[in-house]
N, C-alpha and C. Protein backbone atom coordinates (compact mmCIF):
# COMPACT_ATOMS: atom_id res chain seq x y z
N MET A 1 166.72 170.55 94.12
CA MET A 1 166.38 169.42 93.67
C MET A 1 165.61 168.46 94.79
N LYS A 2 166.04 168.56 95.95
CA LYS A 2 165.43 167.83 97.04
C LYS A 2 163.92 168.15 97.23
N GLN A 3 163.77 169.29 97.17
CA GLN A 3 162.30 169.82 97.45
C GLN A 3 161.42 169.47 96.29
N LYS A 4 161.91 169.55 95.03
CA LYS A 4 161.12 169.00 93.86
C LYS A 4 160.81 167.38 94.02
N ILE A 5 161.71 166.69 94.39
CA ILE A 5 161.60 165.26 94.69
C ILE A 5 160.52 165.01 95.74
N ILE A 6 160.61 165.73 96.83
CA ILE A 6 159.64 165.61 97.96
C ILE A 6 158.24 165.97 97.35
N ASN A 7 158.13 167.03 96.71
CA ASN A 7 156.81 167.51 96.11
C ASN A 7 156.16 166.35 95.24
N ILE A 8 157.10 165.75 94.38
CA ILE A 8 156.63 164.65 93.48
C ILE A 8 156.07 163.55 94.20
N LEU A 9 156.90 163.19 95.28
CA LEU A 9 156.43 162.02 96.10
C LEU A 9 155.27 162.23 96.84
N ALA A 10 155.00 163.53 97.33
CA ALA A 10 153.74 163.98 98.13
C ALA A 10 152.66 163.97 97.15
N ASP A 11 152.78 164.34 95.95
CA ASP A 11 151.65 164.19 94.97
C ASP A 11 151.28 162.86 94.64
N LEU A 12 152.39 162.03 94.58
CA LEU A 12 152.06 160.65 94.28
C LEU A 12 151.39 159.78 95.29
N ARG A 13 151.88 159.91 96.49
CA ARG A 13 151.33 159.28 97.67
C ARG A 13 151.17 160.31 98.87
N PRO A 14 150.17 161.15 98.84
CA PRO A 14 149.93 162.10 99.83
C PRO A 14 149.87 161.59 101.28
N GLU A 15 149.47 160.33 101.33
CA GLU A 15 149.12 159.71 102.75
C GLU A 15 150.38 159.50 103.52
N PHE A 16 151.57 159.67 102.88
CA PHE A 16 152.80 159.34 103.53
C PHE A 16 153.63 160.65 103.67
N ASP A 17 154.53 160.61 104.82
CA ASP A 17 155.28 161.73 105.00
C ASP A 17 156.71 161.23 104.66
N PHE A 18 157.23 161.75 103.53
CA PHE A 18 158.55 161.37 102.89
C PHE A 18 159.63 162.08 103.54
N ASN A 19 160.44 161.46 104.40
CA ASN A 19 161.59 162.16 104.93
C ASN A 19 162.84 161.29 104.82
N GLU A 20 163.83 161.73 105.21
CA GLU A 20 165.12 161.13 105.02
C GLU A 20 165.45 159.82 105.81
N ASP A 21 164.61 159.62 106.76
CA ASP A 21 164.98 158.47 107.78
C ASP A 21 164.25 157.20 107.39
N VAL A 22 163.57 157.09 106.31
CA VAL A 22 162.84 155.91 106.08
C VAL A 22 163.37 155.38 104.64
N ASN A 23 163.03 154.07 104.55
CA ASN A 23 163.30 153.34 103.23
C ASN A 23 161.90 153.23 102.54
N PHE A 24 161.72 153.90 101.48
CA PHE A 24 160.34 153.94 100.90
C PHE A 24 159.84 152.59 100.43
N ILE A 25 160.83 151.73 99.99
CA ILE A 25 160.44 150.43 99.62
C ILE A 25 160.18 149.47 100.67
N GLU A 26 161.15 149.32 101.55
CA GLU A 26 160.98 148.38 102.76
C GLU A 26 159.86 148.87 103.61
N ASP A 27 159.50 150.11 103.75
CA ASP A 27 158.41 150.47 104.55
C ASP A 27 157.20 150.48 103.82
N GLY A 28 157.03 150.08 102.62
CA GLY A 28 155.82 149.92 101.98
C GLY A 28 155.14 151.26 101.47
N MET A 29 155.94 152.29 101.29
CA MET A 29 155.45 153.52 100.80
C MET A 29 155.27 153.66 99.38
N LEU A 30 156.16 152.88 98.74
CA LEU A 30 156.16 152.89 97.25
C LEU A 30 156.17 151.43 96.71
N ASP A 31 155.28 151.17 95.79
CA ASP A 31 155.25 149.86 95.16
C ASP A 31 155.73 149.98 93.73
N SER A 32 155.68 148.89 92.96
CA SER A 32 156.16 148.81 91.60
C SER A 32 155.41 149.91 90.75
N PHE A 33 154.15 149.96 90.81
CA PHE A 33 153.24 150.97 90.16
C PHE A 33 153.67 152.37 90.45
N ASP A 34 153.97 152.61 91.72
CA ASP A 34 154.41 153.93 92.10
C ASP A 34 155.70 154.27 91.51
N ILE A 35 156.54 153.40 91.45
CA ILE A 35 157.88 153.69 90.84
C ILE A 35 157.66 153.93 89.34
N ILE A 36 157.01 153.33 88.70
CA ILE A 36 156.69 153.60 87.20
C ILE A 36 156.18 155.08 87.09
N SER A 37 155.20 155.50 87.97
CA SER A 37 154.67 156.82 87.90
C SER A 37 155.68 157.81 88.23
N LEU A 38 156.55 157.50 89.27
CA LEU A 38 157.59 158.31 89.86
C LEU A 38 158.65 158.63 88.65
N VAL A 39 158.98 157.54 88.01
CA VAL A 39 159.91 157.74 86.92
C VAL A 39 159.37 158.63 85.82
N SER A 40 158.06 158.48 85.43
CA SER A 40 157.46 159.44 84.59
C SER A 40 157.49 160.83 84.91
N ASP A 41 157.16 161.05 86.28
CA ASP A 41 157.21 162.41 86.86
C ASP A 41 158.56 162.92 86.93
N LEU A 42 159.57 162.15 87.35
CA LEU A 42 161.04 162.71 87.46
C LEU A 42 161.44 163.06 85.98
N ASP A 43 161.07 162.19 85.01
CA ASP A 43 161.56 162.40 83.57
C ASP A 43 160.97 163.77 83.10
N SER A 44 159.73 163.91 83.34
CA SER A 44 159.08 165.16 82.86
C SER A 44 159.50 166.44 83.62
N THR A 45 159.68 166.30 84.93
CA THR A 45 160.04 167.48 85.78
C THR A 45 161.47 167.93 85.52
N PHE A 46 162.27 166.90 85.36
CA PHE A 46 163.74 167.28 85.25
C PHE A 46 164.24 167.19 83.83
N GLY A 47 163.34 166.93 82.83
CA GLY A 47 163.82 166.83 81.40
C GLY A 47 164.89 165.89 81.00
N ILE A 48 164.63 164.63 81.62
CA ILE A 48 165.55 163.60 81.46
C ILE A 48 164.92 162.23 80.99
N SER A 49 165.51 161.27 80.84
CA SER A 49 164.97 159.99 80.51
C SER A 49 165.74 158.85 81.21
N ILE A 50 165.11 158.37 82.34
CA ILE A 50 165.80 157.39 83.10
C ILE A 50 165.74 156.10 82.34
N ASP A 51 166.99 155.50 82.28
CA ASP A 51 167.16 154.28 81.54
C ASP A 51 166.43 153.10 82.17
N GLY A 52 165.89 152.14 81.57
CA GLY A 52 165.20 151.12 82.07
C GLY A 52 166.03 150.19 82.99
N VAL A 53 167.39 150.11 82.83
CA VAL A 53 168.29 149.27 83.60
C VAL A 53 168.45 150.04 85.03
N ASP A 54 167.99 151.33 85.08
CA ASP A 54 168.20 151.96 86.46
C ASP A 54 166.94 151.94 87.28
N ILE A 55 165.91 151.39 86.63
CA ILE A 55 164.63 151.28 87.40
C ILE A 55 164.65 150.07 88.34
N LEU A 56 165.35 150.22 89.37
CA LEU A 56 165.54 149.24 90.47
C LEU A 56 165.08 149.78 91.71
N PRO A 57 164.42 148.99 92.59
CA PRO A 57 163.96 149.41 93.89
C PRO A 57 164.92 150.27 94.74
N GLU A 58 166.21 149.90 94.73
CA GLU A 58 167.28 150.46 95.48
C GLU A 58 167.48 151.92 94.96
N ASN A 59 167.16 152.32 93.76
CA ASN A 59 167.34 153.62 93.25
C ASN A 59 166.22 154.51 93.65
N PHE A 60 165.11 153.98 94.34
CA PHE A 60 164.07 154.75 94.66
C PHE A 60 163.69 154.56 96.24
N SER A 61 164.58 154.13 96.85
CA SER A 61 164.44 153.79 98.29
C SER A 61 164.39 154.94 99.34
N SER A 62 165.06 156.07 98.81
CA SER A 62 165.21 157.24 99.66
C SER A 62 165.35 158.52 98.84
N ILE A 63 165.23 159.62 99.42
CA ILE A 63 165.38 160.79 98.79
C ILE A 63 166.87 160.93 98.18
N ALA A 64 167.83 160.45 99.02
CA ALA A 64 169.28 160.57 98.60
C ALA A 64 169.50 159.50 97.45
N ALA A 65 168.79 158.37 97.43
CA ALA A 65 168.97 157.47 96.28
C ALA A 65 168.32 158.08 95.00
N ILE A 66 167.13 158.69 95.06
CA ILE A 66 166.62 159.35 93.96
C ILE A 66 167.45 160.50 93.42
N GLU A 67 167.99 161.27 94.32
CA GLU A 67 168.98 162.40 93.87
C GLU A 67 170.17 161.86 93.16
N ASN A 68 170.74 160.81 93.76
CA ASN A 68 171.84 160.06 93.10
C ASN A 68 171.59 159.65 91.64
N LEU A 69 170.37 159.06 91.54
CA LEU A 69 169.90 158.62 90.15
C LEU A 69 169.70 159.74 89.24
N LEU A 70 169.19 160.89 89.80
CA LEU A 70 168.95 162.11 88.86
C LEU A 70 170.35 162.58 88.45
N LYS A 71 171.33 162.59 89.42
CA LYS A 71 172.70 163.13 89.08
C LYS A 71 173.31 162.16 88.06
N LYS A 72 173.04 160.96 88.17
CA LYS A 72 173.65 160.03 87.15
C LYS A 72 173.08 160.29 85.86
N ASN A 73 171.85 160.77 85.74
CA ASN A 73 171.18 161.08 84.50
C ASN A 73 171.37 162.62 84.03
N GLY A 74 172.41 163.25 84.60
CA GLY A 74 172.71 164.55 84.23
C GLY A 74 171.99 165.80 84.90
N VAL A 75 171.25 165.41 85.83
CA VAL A 75 170.55 166.67 86.60
C VAL A 75 171.60 167.20 87.60
N LYS A 76 171.68 168.65 87.58
CA LYS A 76 172.62 169.34 88.50
C LYS A 76 171.98 169.89 89.73
């Protein structure tokens, strides 16, 4: 799962190195438009539908946060 998330992030914003030590939102790596694209990519890649109430910056601030969101939506 982690590598798929990293690949999606790298495709979305290839100019950044997405690693576990940064906050993607606070460090300006992802903005609101990126999050919408990321939600779409995650939905199609993992075959889920992320609920609108879960589209909050803190759910996309790190790889771990994204993994937790995916697990909450049934991804194993």
